[in-house]
């Protein structure tokens, strides 16, 4: 097709437009439910200790996100994501994602 050139002096800026992102609540729900799905795909029959570990990590990350409500400038964003993570975690007990 042609010659390939490498320009080591090239610069790239990557800007995210806010309209292309889900809101933080939906993001929190998605992180937990998708994380559970990926974990269960890798571990189809986990031991009780593995389940306990996954739930403990998920709760810890949610608590860290809740604590960000007090320590960051984006308090509303941190709170709504933590709320979404909490709802996503509770939703796993009632409606788990379907595994293929």
PDB file of N, CA and C in Angstrom:
ATOM      1  N   UNK A   1       0.817  -1.198   0.000  1.00  0.00           N
ATOM      2  CA  UNK A   1       0.000   0.000   0.000  1.00  0.00           C
ATOM      3  C   UNK A   1       0.856   1.256   0.000  1.00  0.00           C
ATOM      4  N   UNK A   2       1.960   1.224   0.727  1.00  0.00           N
ATOM      5  CA  UNK A   2       2.796   2.416   0.808  1.00  0.00           C
ATOM      6  C   UNK A   2       3.764   2.299   1.965  1.00  0.00           C
ATOM      7  N   UNK A   3       4.579   3.304   2.111  1.00  0.00           N
ATOM      8  CA  UNK A   3       5.563   3.309   3.190  1.00  0.00           C
ATOM      9  C   UNK A   3       4.911   3.659   4.513  1.00  0.00           C
ATOM     10  N   UNK A   4       5.450   3.085   5.579  1.00  0.00           N
ATOM     11  CA  UNK A   4       4.975   3.368   6.925  1.00  0.00           C
ATOM     12  C   UNK A   4       5.971   4.312   7.586  1.00  0.00           C
ATOM     13  N   UNK A   5       5.474   5.394   8.142  1.00  0.00           N
ATOM     14  CA  UNK A   5       6.335   6.372   8.785  1.00  0.00           C
ATOM     15  C   UNK A   5       5.985   6.466  10.261  1.00  0.00           C
ATOM     16  N   UNK A   6       6.978   6.672  11.086  1.00  0.00           N
ATOM     17  CA  UNK A   6       6.793   6.875  12.519  1.00  0.00           C
ATOM     18  C   UNK A   6       7.239   8.287  12.849  1.00  0.00           C
ATOM     19  N   UNK A   7       6.345   9.028  13.474  1.00  0.00           N
ATOM     20  CA  UNK A   7       6.661  10.381  13.899  1.00  0.00           C
ATOM     21  C   UNK A   7       6.697  10.392  15.424  1.00  0.00           C
ATOM     22  N   UNK A   8       7.879  10.373  15.985  1.00  0.00           N
ATOM     23  CA  UNK A   8       8.009  10.344  17.444  1.00  0.00           C
ATOM     24  C   UNK A   8       7.717  11.690  18.087  1.00  0.00           C
ATOM     25  N   UNK A   9       7.607  12.731  17.293  1.00  0.00           N
ATOM     26  CA  UNK A   9       7.310  14.071  17.814  1.00  0.00           C
ATOM     27  C   UNK A   9       5.805  14.362  17.809  1.00  0.00           C
ATOM     28  N   UNK A  10       4.999  13.416  17.362  1.00  0.00           N
ATOM     29  CA  UNK A  10       3.551  13.637  17.272  1.00  0.00           C
ATOM     30  C   UNK A  10       2.958  13.820  18.662  1.00  0.00           C
ATOM     31  N   UNK A  11       1.969  14.659  18.768  1.00  0.00           N
ATOM     32  CA  UNK A  11       1.279  14.903  20.031  1.00  0.00           C
ATOM     33  C   UNK A  11      -0.199  14.604  19.831  1.00  0.00           C
ATOM     34  N   UNK A  12      -0.821  14.082  20.893  1.00  0.00           N
ATOM     35  CA  UNK A  12      -2.226  13.711  20.831  1.00  0.00           C
ATOM     36  C   UNK A  12      -2.933  14.245  22.064  1.00  0.00           C
ATOM     37  N   UNK A  13      -4.052  14.866  21.855  1.00  0.00           N
ATOM     38  CA  UNK A  13      -4.916  15.298  22.953  1.00  0.00           C
ATOM     39  C   UNK A  13      -6.211  14.520  22.843  1.00  0.00           C
ATOM     40  N   UNK A  14      -6.658  13.992  23.974  1.00  0.00           N
ATOM     41  CA  UNK A  14      -7.881  13.195  23.995  1.00  0.00           C
ATOM     42  C   UNK A  14      -8.847  13.846  24.976  1.00  0.00           C
ATOM     43  N   UNK A  15      -9.933  14.403  24.455  1.00  0.00           N
ATOM     44  CA  UNK A  15     -10.917  15.079  25.297  1.00  0.00           C
ATOM     45  C   UNK A  15     -12.215  14.297  25.266  1.00  0.00           C
ATOM     46  N   UNK A  16     -12.809  14.119  26.442  1.00  0.00           N
ATOM     47  CA  UNK A  16     -14.091  13.438  26.535  1.00  0.00           C
ATOM     48  C   UNK A  16     -15.203  14.469  26.603  1.00  0.00           C
ATOM     49  N   UNK A  17     -16.209  14.263  25.809  1.00  0.00           N
ATOM     50  CA  UNK A  17     -17.374  15.137  25.877  1.00  0.00           C
ATOM     51  C   UNK A  17     -18.340  14.539  26.894  1.00  0.00           C
ATOM     52  N   UNK A  18     -18.857  15.323  27.832  1.00  0.00           N
ATOM     53  CA  UNK A  18     -19.725  14.782  28.886  1.00  0.00           C
ATOM     54  C   UNK A  18     -20.955  14.060  28.351  1.00  0.00           C
ATOM     55  N   UNK A  19     -21.465  14.452  27.197  1.00  0.00           N
ATOM     56  CA  UNK A  19     -22.673  13.799  26.684  1.00  0.00           C
ATOM     57  C   UNK A  19     -22.404  12.371  26.234  1.00  0.00           C
ATOM     58  N   UNK A  20     -21.140  12.006  26.032  1.00  0.00           N
ATOM     59  CA  UNK A  20     -20.817  10.648  25.614  1.00  0.00           C
ATOM     60  C   UNK A  20     -20.655   9.684  26.771  1.00  0.00           C
ATOM     61  N   UNK A  21     -20.818  10.147  27.978  1.00  0.00           N
ATOM     62  CA  UNK A  21     -20.642   9.323  29.168  1.00  0.00           C
ATOM     63  C   UNK A  21     -21.993   9.064  29.828  1.00  0.00           C
ATOM     64  N   UNK A  22     -22.160   7.846  30.406  1.00  0.00           N
ATOM     65  CA  UNK A  22     -23.385   7.627  31.176  1.00  0.00           C
ATOM     66  C   UNK A  22     -23.323   8.437  32.466  1.00  0.00           C
ATOM     67  N   UNK A  23     -24.479   8.690  33.057  1.00  0.00           N
ATOM     68  CA  UNK A  23     -24.406   9.421  34.325  1.00  0.00           C
ATOM     69  C   UNK A  23     -23.775   8.524  35.387  1.00  0.00           C
ATOM     70  N   UNK A  24     -23.311   9.112  36.457  1.00  0.00           N
ATOM     71  CA  UNK A  24     -22.518   8.382  37.441  1.00  0.00           C
ATOM     72  C   UNK A  24     -23.313   7.288  38.138  1.00  0.00           C
ATOM     73  N   UNK A  25     -24.602   7.485  38.338  1.00  0.00           N
ATOM     74  CA  UNK A  25     -25.442   6.443  38.953  1.00  0.00           C
ATOM     75  C   UNK A  25     -25.452   5.195  38.078  1.00  0.00           C
ATOM     76  N   UNK A  26     -25.731   5.375  36.794  1.00  0.00           N
ATOM     77  CA  UNK A  26     -25.746   4.235  35.865  1.00  0.00           C
ATOM     78  C   UNK A  26     -24.362   3.602  35.764  1.00  0.00           C
ATOM     79  N   UNK A  27     -23.323   4.412  35.826  1.00  0.00           N
ATOM     80  CA  UNK A  27     -21.962   3.904  35.775  1.00  0.00           C
ATOM     81  C   UNK A  27     -21.673   3.014  36.989  1.00  0.00           C
ATOM     82  N   UNK A  28     -22.109   3.438  38.171  1.00  0.00           N
ATOM     83  CA  UNK A  28     -21.905   2.648  39.381  1.00  0.00           C
ATOM     84  C   UNK A  28     -22.598   1.302  39.313  1.00  0.00           C
ATOM     85  N   UNK A  29     -23.848   1.309  38.839  1.00  0.00           N
ATOM     86  CA  UNK A  29     -24.586   0.049  38.678  1.00  0.00           C
ATOM     87  C   UNK A  29     -23.862  -0.846  37.670  1.00  0.00           C
ATOM     88  N   UNK A  30     -23.441  -0.265  36.566  1.00  0.00           N
ATOM     89  CA  UNK A  30     -22.777  -1.014  35.499  1.00  0.00           C
ATOM     90  C   UNK A  30     -21.465  -1.634  35.977  1.00  0.00           C
ATOM     91  N   UNK A  31     -20.682  -0.886  36.749  1.00  0.00           N
ATOM     92  CA  UNK A  31     -19.389  -1.385  37.219  1.00  0.00           C
ATOM     93  C   UNK A  31     -19.575  -2.647  38.060  1.00  0.00           C
ATOM     94  N   UNK A  32     -20.523  -2.621  38.961  1.00  0.00           N
ATOM     95  CA  UNK A  32     -20.728  -3.765  39.850  1.00  0.00           C
ATOM     96  C   UNK A  32     -21.299  -4.955  39.092  1.00  0.00           C
ATOM     97  N   UNK A  33     -22.341  -4.724  38.293  1.00  0.00           N
ATOM     98  CA  UNK A  33     -22.979  -5.850  37.590  1.00  0.00           C
ATOM     99  C   UNK A  33     -22.049  -6.445  36.532  1.00  0.00           C
ATOM    100  N   UNK A  34     -21.339  -5.615  35.782  1.00  0.00           N
ATOM    101  CA  UNK A  34     -20.400  -6.137  34.787  1.00  0.00           C
ATOM    102  C   UNK A  34     -19.230  -6.836  35.469  1.00  0.00           C
ATOM    103  N   UNK A  35     -18.778  -6.289  36.591  1.00  0.00           N
ATOM    104  CA  UNK A  35     -17.702  -6.925  37.334  1.00  0.00           C
ATOM    105  C   UNK A  35     -18.099  -8.302  37.825  1.00  0.00           C
ATOM    106  N   UNK A  36     -19.328  -8.414  38.313  1.00  0.00           N
ATOM    107  CA  UNK A  36     -19.821  -9.721  38.757  1.00  0.00           C
ATOM    108  C   UNK A  36     -19.890 -10.685  37.584  1.00  0.00           C
ATOM    109  N   UNK A  37     -20.390 -10.229  36.445  1.00  0.00           N
ATOM    110  CA  UNK A  37     -20.524 -11.090  35.268  1.00  0.00           C
ATOM    111  C   UNK A  37     -19.156 -11.600  34.805  1.00  0.00           C
ATOM    112  N   UNK A  38     -18.174 -10.730  34.728  1.00  0.00           N
ATOM    113  CA  UNK A  38     -16.832 -11.127  34.303  1.00  0.00           C
ATOM    114  C   UNK A  38     -16.235 -12.109  35.306  1.00  0.00           C
ATOM    115  N   UNK A  39     -16.408 -11.830  36.591  1.00  0.00           N
ATOM    116  CA  UNK A  39     -15.879 -12.704  37.633  1.00  0.00           C
ATOM    117  C   UNK A  39     -16.517 -14.087  37.568  1.00  0.00           C
ATOM    118  N   UNK A  40     -17.841 -14.133  37.374  1.00  0.00           N
ATOM    119  CA  UNK A  40     -18.524 -15.428  37.307  1.00  0.00           C
ATOM    120  C   UNK A  40     -18.225 -16.171  36.017  1.00  0.00           C
ATOM    121  N   UNK A  41     -17.934 -15.454  34.947  1.00  0.00           N
ATOM    122  CA  UNK A  41     -17.541 -16.113  33.700  1.00  0.00           C
ATOM    123  C   UNK A  41     -16.199 -16.810  33.896  1.00  0.00           C
ATOM    124  N   UNK A  42     -15.295 -16.148  34.628  1.00  0.00           N
ATOM    125  CA  UNK A  42     -13.986 -16.735  34.891  1.00  0.00           C
ATOM    126  C   UNK A  42     -14.080 -17.843  35.935  1.00  0.00           C
ATOM    127  N   UNK A  43     -14.959 -17.693  36.914  1.00  0.00           N
ATOM    128  CA  UNK A  43     -15.128 -18.659  38.009  1.00  0.00           C
ATOM    129  C   UNK A  43     -16.569 -19.157  38.038  1.00  0.00           C
ATOM    130  N   UNK A  44     -16.926 -20.139  37.208  1.00  0.00           N
ATOM    131  CA  UNK A  44     -18.329 -20.558  37.145  1.00  0.00           C
ATOM    132  C   UNK A  44     -18.857 -21.178  38.441  1.00  0.00           C
ATOM    133  N   UNK A  45     -18.001 -21.841  39.212  1.00  0.00           N
ATOM    134  CA  UNK A  45     -18.430 -22.449  40.475  1.00  0.00           C
ATOM    135  C   UNK A  45     -17.474 -22.038  41.594  1.00  0.00           C
ATOM    136  N   UNK A  46     -17.582 -20.784  42.043  1.00  0.00           N
ATOM    137  CA  UNK A  46     -16.645 -20.306  43.062  1.00  0.00           C
ATOM    138  C   UNK A  46     -16.945 -20.907  44.436  1.00  0.00           C
ATOM    139  N   UNK A  47     -15.904 -21.032  45.237  1.00  0.00           N
ATOM    140  CA  UNK A  47     -16.059 -21.462  46.617  1.00  0.00           C
ATOM    141  C   UNK A  47     -16.680 -20.328  47.428  1.00  0.00           C
ATOM    142  N   UNK A  48     -17.157 -20.669  48.625  1.00  0.00           N
ATOM    143  CA  UNK A  48     -17.762 -19.654  49.488  1.00  0.00           C
ATOM    144  C   UNK A  48     -16.757 -18.552  49.808  1.00  0.00           C
ATOM    145  N   UNK A  49     -15.494 -18.941  50.053  1.00  0.00           N
ATOM    146  CA  UNK A  49     -14.475 -17.939  50.387  1.00  0.00           C
ATOM    147  C   UNK A  49     -14.241 -16.971  49.221  1.00  0.00           C
ATOM    148  N   UNK A  50     -14.316 -17.465  47.982  1.00  0.00           N
ATOM    149  CA  UNK A  50     -14.149 -16.595  46.812  1.00  0.00           C
ATOM    150  C   UNK A  50     -15.330 -15.632  46.688  1.00  0.00           C
ATOM    151  N   UNK A  51     -16.533 -16.125  46.965  1.00  0.00           N
ATOM    152  CA  UNK A  51     -17.721 -15.249  46.919  1.00  0.00           C
ATOM    153  C   UNK A  51     -17.614 -14.164  47.985  1.00  0.00           C
ATOM    154  N   UNK A  52     -17.188 -14.582  49.183  1.00  0.00           N
ATOM    155  CA  UNK A  52     -17.038 -13.625  50.274  1.00  0.00           C
ATOM    156  C   UNK A  52     -16.004 -12.561  49.920  1.00  0.00           C
ATOM    157  N   UNK A  53     -14.920 -12.985  49.310  1.00  0.00           N
ATOM    158  CA  UNK A  53     -13.866 -12.052  48.917  1.00  0.00           C
ATOM    159  C   UNK A  53     -14.382 -11.062  47.868  1.00  0.00           C
ATOM    160  N   UNK A  54     -15.113 -11.546  46.848  1.00  0.00           N
ATOM    161  CA  UNK A  54     -15.625 -10.656  45.804  1.00  0.00           C
ATOM    162  C   UNK A  54     -16.572  -9.626  46.410  1.00  0.00           C
ATOM    163  N   UNK A  55     -17.501 -10.080  47.259  1.00  0.00           N
ATOM    164  CA  UNK A  55     -18.462  -9.149  47.859  1.00  0.00           C
ATOM    165  C   UNK A  55     -17.755  -8.162  48.787  1.00  0.00           C
ATOM    166  N   UNK A  56     -16.742  -8.624  49.512  1.00  0.00           N
ATOM    167  CA  UNK A  56     -15.993  -7.730  50.409  1.00  0.00           C
ATOM    168  C   UNK A  56     -15.276  -6.643  49.623  1.00  0.00           C
ATOM    169  N   UNK A  57     -14.656  -7.021  48.523  1.00  0.00           N
ATOM    170  CA  UNK A  57     -13.949  -6.036  47.688  1.00  0.00           C
ATOM    171  C   UNK A  57     -14.930  -5.030  47.108  1.00  0.00           C
ATOM    172  N   UNK A  58     -16.074  -5.514  46.650  1.00  0.00           N
ATOM    173  CA  UNK A  58     -17.085  -4.626  46.070  1.00  0.00           C
ATOM    174  C   UNK A  58     -17.592  -3.631  47.111  1.00  0.00           C
ATOM    175  N   UNK A  59     -17.854  -4.108  48.316  1.00  0.00           N
ATOM    176  CA  UNK A  59     -18.325  -3.223  49.385  1.00  0.00           C
ATOM    177  C   UNK A  59     -17.234  -2.226  49.767  1.00  0.00           C
ATOM    178  N   UNK A  60     -15.987  -2.684  49.842  1.00  0.00           N
ATOM    179  CA  UNK A  60     -14.886  -1.782  50.170  1.00  0.00           C
ATOM    180  C   UNK A  60     -14.749  -0.668  49.134  1.00  0.00           C
ATOM    181  N   UNK A  61     -14.805  -1.031  47.845  1.00  0.00           N
ATOM    182  CA  UNK A  61     -14.694  -0.018  46.796  1.00  0.00           C
ATOM    183  C   UNK A  61     -15.867   0.959  46.836  1.00  0.00           C
ATOM    184  N   UNK A  62     -17.044   0.470  47.199  1.00  0.00           N
ATOM    185  CA  UNK A  62     -18.210   1.348  47.338  1.00  0.00           C
ATOM    186  C   UNK A  62     -18.016   2.308  48.507  1.00  0.00           C
ATOM    187  N   UNK A  63     -17.495   1.797  49.621  1.00  0.00           N
ATOM    188  CA  UNK A  63     -17.249   2.670  50.777  1.00  0.00           C
ATOM    189  C   UNK A  63     -16.182   3.715  50.469  1.00  0.00           C
ATOM    190  N   UNK A  64     -15.171   3.317  49.714  1.00  0.00           N
ATOM    191  CA  UNK A  64     -14.153   4.291  49.309  1.00  0.00           C
ATOM    192  C   UNK A  64     -14.779   5.380  48.454  1.00  0.00           C
ATOM    193  N   UNK A  65     -15.666   4.981  47.541  1.00  0.00           N
ATOM    194  CA  UNK A  65     -16.334   5.975  46.688  1.00  0.00           C
ATOM    195  C   UNK A  65     -17.241   6.882  47.516  1.00  0.00           C
ATOM    196  N   UNK A  66     -17.915   6.307  48.539  1.00  0.00           N
ATOM    197  CA  UNK A  66     -18.716   7.144  49.444  1.00  0.00           C
ATOM    198  C   UNK A  66     -17.821   8.130  50.188  1.00  0.00           C
ATOM    199  N   UNK A  67     -16.635   7.685  50.613  1.00  0.00           N
ATOM    200  CA  UNK A  67     -15.736   8.591  51.338  1.00  0.00           C
ATOM    201  C   UNK A  67     -15.233   9.718  50.437  1.00  0.00           C
ATOM    202  N   UNK A  68     -15.184   9.466  49.126  1.00  0.00           N
ATOM    203  CA  UNK A  68     -14.787  10.517  48.190  1.00  0.00           C
ATOM    204  C   UNK A  68     -15.784  11.673  48.185  1.00  0.00           C
ATOM    205  N   UNK A  69     -16.992  11.420  48.684  1.00  0.00           N
ATOM    206  CA  UNK A  69     -17.994  12.471  48.783  1.00  0.00           C
ATOM    207  C   UNK A  69     -17.477  13.610  49.662  1.00  0.00           C
ATOM    208  N   UNK A  70     -16.655  13.279  50.650  1.00  0.00           N
ATOM    209  CA  UNK A  70     -16.156  14.279  51.593  1.00  0.00           C
ATOM    210  C   UNK A  70     -14.784  14.829  51.211  1.00  0.00           C
ATOM    211  N   UNK A  71     -14.061  14.112  50.328  1.00  0.00           N
ATOM    212  CA  UNK A  71     -12.675  14.496  50.077  1.00  0.00           C
ATOM    213  C   UNK A  71     -12.415  15.098  48.698  1.00  0.00           C
ATOM    214  N   UNK A  72     -13.356  15.029  47.780  1.00  0.00           N
ATOM    215  CA  UNK A  72     -13.114  15.557  46.435  1.00  0.00           C
ATOM    216  C   UNK A  72     -13.984  16.764  46.152  1.00  0.00           C
ATOM    217  N   UNK A  73     -13.684  17.412  45.056  1.00  0.00           N
ATOM    218  CA  UNK A  73     -14.482  18.558  44.632  1.00  0.00           C
ATOM    219  C   UNK A  73     -15.782  18.144  43.955  1.00  0.00           C
ATOM    220  N   UNK A  74     -15.813  16.939  43.398  1.00  0.00           N
ATOM    221  CA  UNK A  74     -17.017  16.441  42.710  1.00  0.00           C
ATOM    222  C   UNK A  74     -17.860  15.611  43.668  1.00  0.00           C
ATOM    223  N   UNK A  75     -18.410  16.245  44.685  1.00  0.00           N
ATOM    224  CA  UNK A  75     -19.144  15.533  45.724  1.00  0.00           C
ATOM    225  C   UNK A  75     -20.388  14.842  45.194  1.00  0.00           C
ATOM    226  N   UNK A  76     -21.141  15.528  44.354  1.00  0.00           N
ATOM    227  CA  UNK A  76     -22.371  14.937  43.828  1.00  0.00           C
ATOM    228  C   UNK A  76     -22.050  13.741  42.940  1.00  0.00           C
ATOM    229  N   UNK A  77     -21.038  13.857  42.131  1.00  0.00           N
ATOM    230  CA  UNK A  77     -20.634  12.775  41.235  1.00  0.00           C
ATOM    231  C   UNK A  77     -20.197  11.550  42.033  1.00  0.00           C
ATOM    232  N   UNK A  78     -19.404  11.747  43.067  1.00  0.00           N
ATOM    233  CA  UNK A  78     -18.941  10.642  43.905  1.00  0.00           C
ATOM    234  C   UNK A  78     -20.113   9.982  44.626  1.00  0.00           C
ATOM    235  N   UNK A  79     -21.023  10.787  45.145  1.00  0.00           N
ATOM    236  CA  UNK A  79     -22.168  10.237  45.878  1.00  0.00           C
ATOM    237  C   UNK A  79     -23.085   9.435  44.963  1.00  0.00           C
ATOM    238  N   UNK A  80     -23.387   9.966  43.777  1.00  0.00           N
ATOM    239  CA  UNK A  80     -24.298   9.239  42.887  1.00  0.00           C
ATOM    240  C   UNK A  80     -23.657   7.953  42.364  1.00  0.00           C
ATOM    241  N   UNK A  81     -22.342   7.959  42.125  1.00  0.00           N
ATOM    242  CA  UNK A  81     -21.691   6.712  41.698  1.00  0.00           C
ATOM    243  C   UNK A  81     -21.722   5.683  42.818  1.00  0.00           C
ATOM    244  N   UNK A  82     -21.453   6.109  44.042  1.00  0.00           N
ATOM    245  CA  UNK A  82     -21.490   5.188  45.183  1.00  0.00           C
ATOM    246  C   UNK A  82     -22.898   4.642  45.380  1.00  0.00           C
ATOM    247  N   UNK A  83     -23.891   5.493  45.209  1.00  0.00           N
ATOM    248  CA  UNK A  83     -25.280   5.040  45.317  1.00  0.00           C
ATOM    249  C   UNK A  83     -25.584   4.014  44.228  1.00  0.00           C
ATOM    250  N   UNK A  84     -25.119   4.256  43.021  1.00  0.00           N
ATOM    251  CA  UNK A  84     -25.306   3.303  41.929  1.00  0.00           C
ATOM    252  C   UNK A  84     -24.618   1.981  42.206  1.00  0.00           C
ATOM    253  N   UNK A  85     -23.409   2.026  42.783  1.00  0.00           N
ATOM    254  CA  UNK A  85     -22.702   0.791  43.140  1.00  0.00           C
ATOM    255  C   UNK A  85     -23.491   0.009  44.194  1.00  0.00           C
ATOM    256  N   UNK A  86     -24.069   0.726  45.155  1.00  0.00           N
ATOM    257  CA  UNK A  86     -24.855   0.066  46.200  1.00  0.00           C
ATOM    258  C   UNK A  86     -26.087  -0.602  45.599  1.00  0.00           C
ATOM    259  N   UNK A  87     -26.794   0.107  44.756  1.00  0.00           N
ATOM    260  CA  UNK A  87     -27.983  -0.457  44.116  1.00  0.00           C
ATOM    261  C   UNK A  87     -27.599  -1.628  43.205  1.00  0.00           C
ATOM    262  N   UNK A  88     -26.485  -1.496  42.495  1.00  0.00           N
ATOM    263  CA  UNK A  88     -26.014  -2.575  41.637  1.00  0.00           C
ATOM    264  C   UNK A  88     -25.673  -3.817  42.430  1.00  0.00           C
ATOM    265  N   UNK A  89     -25.067  -3.634  43.610  1.00  0.00           N
ATOM    266  CA  UNK A  89     -24.720  -4.777  44.459  1.00  0.00           C
ATOM    267  C   UNK A  89     -25.970  -5.464  44.981  1.00  0.00           C
ATOM    268  N   UNK A  90     -26.941  -4.673  45.449  1.00  0.00           N
ATOM    269  CA  UNK A  90     -28.190  -5.263  45.944  1.00  0.00           C
ATOM    270  C   UNK A  90     -28.963  -5.944  44.820  1.00  0.00           C
ATOM    271  N   UNK A  91     -28.879  -5.403  43.618  1.00  0.00           N
ATOM    272  CA  UNK A  91     -29.634  -5.999  42.505  1.00  0.00           C
ATOM    273  C   UNK A  91     -29.125  -7.399  42.157  1.00  0.00           C
ATOM    274  N   UNK A  92     -27.870  -7.702  42.503  1.00  0.00           N
ATOM    275  CA  UNK A  92     -27.342  -9.035  42.219  1.00  0.00           C
ATOM    276  C   UNK A  92     -28.061 -10.117  43.016  1.00  0.00           C
ATOM    277  N   UNK A  93     -28.613  -9.760  44.167  1.00  0.00           N
ATOM    278  CA  UNK A  93     -29.325 -10.753  44.976  1.00  0.00           C
ATOM    279  C   UNK A  93     -30.697 -11.082  44.396  1.00  0.00           C
ATOM    280  N   UNK A  94     -31.259 -10.182  43.614  1.00  0.00           N
ATOM    281  CA  UNK A  94     -32.608 -10.389  43.098  1.00  0.00           C
ATOM    282  C   UNK A  94     -32.639 -10.709  41.613  1.00  0.00           C
ATOM    283  N   UNK A  95     -31.687 -10.184  40.852  1.00  0.00           N
ATOM    284  CA  UNK A  95     -31.692 -10.375  39.387  1.00  0.00           C
ATOM    285  C   UNK A  95     -30.263 -10.401  38.873  1.00  0.00           C
ATOM    286  N   UNK A  96     -29.667 -11.592  38.862  1.00  0.00           N
ATOM    287  CA  UNK A  96     -28.291 -11.725  38.397  1.00  0.00           C
ATOM    288  C   UNK A  96     -28.243 -11.648  36.865  1.00  0.00           C
ATOM    289  N   UNK A  97     -27.139 -11.122  36.306  1.00  0.00           N
ATOM    290  CA  UNK A  97     -27.005 -11.137  34.845  1.00  0.00           C
ATOM    291  C   UNK A  97     -26.967 -12.565  34.318  1.00  0.00           C
ATOM    292  N   UNK A  98     -27.558 -12.782  33.165  1.00  0.00           N
ATOM    293  CA  UNK A  98     -27.610 -14.122  32.562  1.00  0.00           C
ATOM    294  C   UNK A  98     -26.225 -14.490  32.032  1.00  0.00           C
ATOM    295  N   UNK A  99     -25.788 -15.704  32.348  1.00  0.00           N
ATOM    296  CA  UNK A  99     -24.519 -16.198  31.839  1.00  0.00           C
ATOM    297  C   UNK A  99     -24.756 -17.069  30.629  1.00  0.00           C
ATOM    298  N   UNK A 100     -23.869 -16.947  29.652  1.00  0.00           N
ATOM    299  CA  UNK A 100     -24.027 -17.735  28.422  1.00  0.00           C
ATOM    300  C   UNK A 100     -23.283 -19.031  28.527  1.00  0.00           C
TER     301      UNK A 100
END
